[in-house]
Amino acid sequence: MFKEITSLPELKIAGVLGKVFHGKQHETIPELWEKLQKIKPNLDIQTPERCIGLEIYDPEAAKENAFLYMPSFAINDVKSDDENITIKLIPSGEYAVFTHKGSIENLHTIFPFIYKEWMPNSSYKVRAAYDLEWYDERFKGMSPDSEVDIYVPVSAKE
């Protein structure tokens, strides 16, 4: 599951931001990915094309047993003023990288390992309340040989 600690440069992403209630992920997240495809023509997407799922752990959303989720593309720019497009700058820094192997429907099972097992026993702490799901050519949806990397922003424990 744990892969490596790596550095990422600043990343500009654009996508569709939505609130996801725990227990409704399997309905809400695919709907957000469908909406992303509708705004894709309005984006100047970086080459090679990178799909990124941004999970934001917002305290206000947490009060409602939810989190914010933004399926997105790494971009150079936005081509229009589409009100459905949200742009975020992901800061450069160190990230702990974990690989989920298996069907996307089981992706949620890696997060307790990351935050409740690996992180407390590592020499790192979470430095920001988000993580990135990195979808590349290894992603195969529901297939048991699918892979997705999770990037968690970290800094060294003092």
Foldseek 3Di string as FASTA:
>chain_A
DWDDKDKDAKFKKKFAKDKFAPVCCVPPVVVRVVVRVVQVVQFAADPPKKWKKKWFADPVSVVVRITMITTIIGGPGTNDPPVRMDMDIDHIAMWTKDKDAAAPVCVVVCVCCVPVPPQVPDQKDQPHRMKMWIDDPQADHHGRGRMIMIITHIDGDD
